[in-house]
Protein backbone atom coordinates (compact mmCIF):
# COMPACT_ATOMS: atom_id res chain seq x y z
CA MET A 1 66.74 112.02 141.49
CA THR A 2 70.09 110.30 141.79
CA ARG A 3 71.37 108.77 145.00
CA LEU A 4 75.03 107.69 145.21
CA HIS A 5 75.03 107.16 148.94
CA PRO A 6 75.74 109.52 150.66
CA TYR A 7 75.37 111.75 147.52
CA VAL A 8 71.88 113.06 146.79
CA VAL A 9 70.61 115.29 143.96
CA LYS A 10 67.62 117.54 144.62
CA ALA A 11 66.03 120.77 143.41
CA MET A 12 67.78 123.95 144.52
CA THR A 13 66.25 126.53 146.79
CA ALA A 14 66.69 130.22 145.92
CA ALA A 15 69.47 130.45 148.52
CA GLU A 16 71.24 127.46 146.95
CA VAL A 17 71.07 129.15 143.55
CA GLY A 18 72.94 132.01 145.21
CA THR A 19 75.57 129.50 146.34
CA ALA A 20 75.94 128.24 142.76
CA ILE A 21 76.32 131.84 141.50
CA ASN A 22 79.08 132.39 144.06
CA TRP A 23 80.83 129.20 142.90
CA ALA A 24 80.64 130.43 139.30
CA ALA A 25 82.17 133.77 140.28
CA ALA A 26 84.96 131.94 142.17
CA GLU A 27 85.68 129.93 138.99
CA GLY A 28 86.20 133.22 137.15
CA TRP A 29 82.95 133.02 135.22
CA ASN A 30 80.80 136.06 134.63
CA PRO A 31 77.52 134.46 135.63
CA GLY A 32 75.36 137.56 135.39
CA LEU A 33 75.05 138.08 139.10
CA HIS A 34 71.42 139.13 138.89
CA ASP A 35 70.29 136.74 136.16
CA ALA A 36 69.41 133.93 138.54
CA ASP A 37 66.24 135.68 139.71
CA CYS A 38 64.99 135.93 136.12
CA PHE A 39 65.89 132.31 135.39
CA LEU A 40 64.24 131.09 138.59
CA ALA A 41 61.09 133.01 137.70
CA ALA A 42 61.12 131.49 134.21
CA ASP A 43 61.90 127.91 135.25
CA ALA A 44 62.36 127.20 138.96
CA GLY A 45 62.22 123.43 138.40
CA GLY A 46 65.36 123.38 136.29
CA PHE A 47 67.91 123.98 139.05
CA LEU A 48 69.56 121.00 140.74
CA MET A 49 72.22 120.65 143.43
CA GLY A 50 74.21 117.64 144.50
CA PHE A 51 74.79 117.12 148.21
CA LEU A 52 77.41 114.93 149.83
CA ASP A 53 76.54 114.26 153.47
CA GLU A 54 74.19 117.28 153.23
CA GLU A 55 77.00 119.57 152.01
CA PRO A 56 76.43 121.15 148.57
CA VAL A 57 79.18 119.98 146.21
CA ALA A 58 77.74 120.38 142.69
CA SER A 59 75.17 122.42 140.76
CA ILE A 60 73.51 122.51 137.34
CA SER A 61 70.57 124.25 135.71
CA VAL A 62 68.56 123.91 132.55
CA VAL A 63 66.29 126.84 131.77
CA ARG A 64 63.62 126.01 129.24
CA TYR A 65 62.97 128.46 126.43
CA GLY A 66 59.83 127.59 124.53
CA ARG A 67 58.76 124.00 124.07
CA SER A 68 61.86 122.33 122.73
CA PHE A 69 65.02 124.21 123.75
CA ALA A 70 66.84 124.45 127.07
CA PHE A 71 70.06 126.20 128.02
CA LEU A 72 72.32 124.42 130.46
CA GLY A 73 74.21 126.53 132.98
CA LEU A 74 75.75 126.73 136.43
CA TYR A 75 77.30 123.31 135.83
CA ILE A 76 79.89 123.26 138.57
CA VAL A 77 81.43 120.59 140.75
CA LYS A 78 83.58 121.92 143.56
CA PRO A 79 87.22 121.21 142.64
CA GLU A 80 87.88 118.81 145.49
CA HIS A 81 84.93 116.64 144.39
CA ARG A 82 85.65 116.45 140.65
CA GLY A 83 86.24 113.11 138.96
CA LYS A 84 84.02 111.16 141.37
CA GLY A 85 80.85 110.88 139.28
CA TYR A 86 78.89 113.66 140.98
CA GLY A 87 78.81 115.91 137.92
CA ARG A 88 77.74 113.04 135.67
CA ALA A 89 74.92 112.17 138.08
CA LEU A 90 73.70 115.79 137.90
CA LEU A 91 73.85 115.81 134.11
CA VAL A 92 71.90 112.53 133.91
CA ASP A 93 69.16 113.88 136.20
CA LEU A 94 69.03 117.10 134.22
CA ALA A 95 68.71 115.15 130.96
CA LYS A 96 65.76 113.30 132.47
CA ILE A 97 64.08 116.61 133.31
CA ALA A 98 64.74 117.94 129.79
CA ARG A 99 63.42 114.73 128.21
CA ASP A 100 60.31 114.70 130.39
CA ARG A 101 59.62 118.32 129.42
CA GLY A 102 59.88 117.50 125.73
CA CYS A 103 63.08 119.47 125.13
CA GLY A 104 64.65 118.43 121.85
CA ARG A 105 68.02 119.99 122.60
CA MET A 106 70.16 121.40 125.37
CA GLU A 107 73.00 123.83 124.71
CA TRP A 108 75.76 125.33 126.80
CA ALA A 109 79.11 127.04 126.45
CA VAL A 110 82.56 125.82 127.38
CA LEU A 111 85.81 127.73 127.10
CA ASP A 112 88.12 126.51 124.31
CA TRP A 113 91.00 125.91 126.70
CA ASN A 114 88.96 123.68 129.05
CA ASP A 115 89.90 120.39 127.41
CA PRO A 116 88.87 118.19 130.37
CA ALA A 117 85.34 119.59 130.19
CA ILE A 118 85.23 119.30 126.40
CA GLN A 119 86.28 115.64 126.57
CA PHE A 120 83.75 114.97 129.33
CA TYR A 121 80.93 116.48 127.26
CA ARG A 122 81.98 114.46 124.23
CA ARG A 123 81.87 111.26 126.32
CA MET A 124 78.31 112.20 127.33
CA GLY A 125 77.37 112.39 123.64
CA ALA A 126 77.40 116.18 123.23
CA LYS A 127 78.64 117.64 119.95
CA PRO A 128 80.48 120.96 119.58
CA MET A 129 78.81 123.60 117.43
CA ASP A 130 81.93 124.78 115.63
CA GLU A 131 79.91 126.75 113.08
CA TRP A 132 78.84 129.27 115.77
CA THR A 133 80.83 132.27 117.02
CA VAL A 134 79.88 134.03 120.24
CA PHE A 135 79.74 137.82 120.20
CA ARG A 136 79.59 140.10 123.23
CA LEU A 137 78.95 143.73 124.04
CA THR A 138 80.07 144.97 127.45
CA ASP A 139 79.11 148.15 129.30
CA ASP A 140 81.10 150.56 127.12
CA GLY A 141 80.03 148.88 123.90
CA ILE A 142 76.39 148.88 124.97
CA ALA A 143 76.58 152.55 125.90
CA THR A 144 78.27 153.43 122.59
CA LEU A 145 75.70 151.51 120.57
CA ALA A 146 72.79 152.96 122.54
CA SER A 147 74.12 156.50 121.93
CA SER A 148 74.55 156.07 118.20
């Protein structure tokens, strides 16, 4: 794992995954507050956290689905630590894990308005999948569909 003294990347504990979920909620994401348990059960080795002087400052996960596909999530660097290379270090370590597991692709979502993130991902070599449209059903829609 990466060391940018005094920055260290290591595997998350279950409690640290909870910290990352709280960060996601604070960012305004809808992280699926109970999804982490399922993802940890499916792929506990795919959750990393970056620590600066033993304080958690960044998180990322890659949950493997099948042999060749992984979904990247919980990619968060605390705002006061952005732009310092900590997020890139996490992404590099995560790519190593994905490569070593034989994953042929990683995918994730980014909001259209988040241009800094989009540009960062492009610099890392990621390509947008403009041909895809995300659909969502929420509680009322699920209930309506289930009742039909």
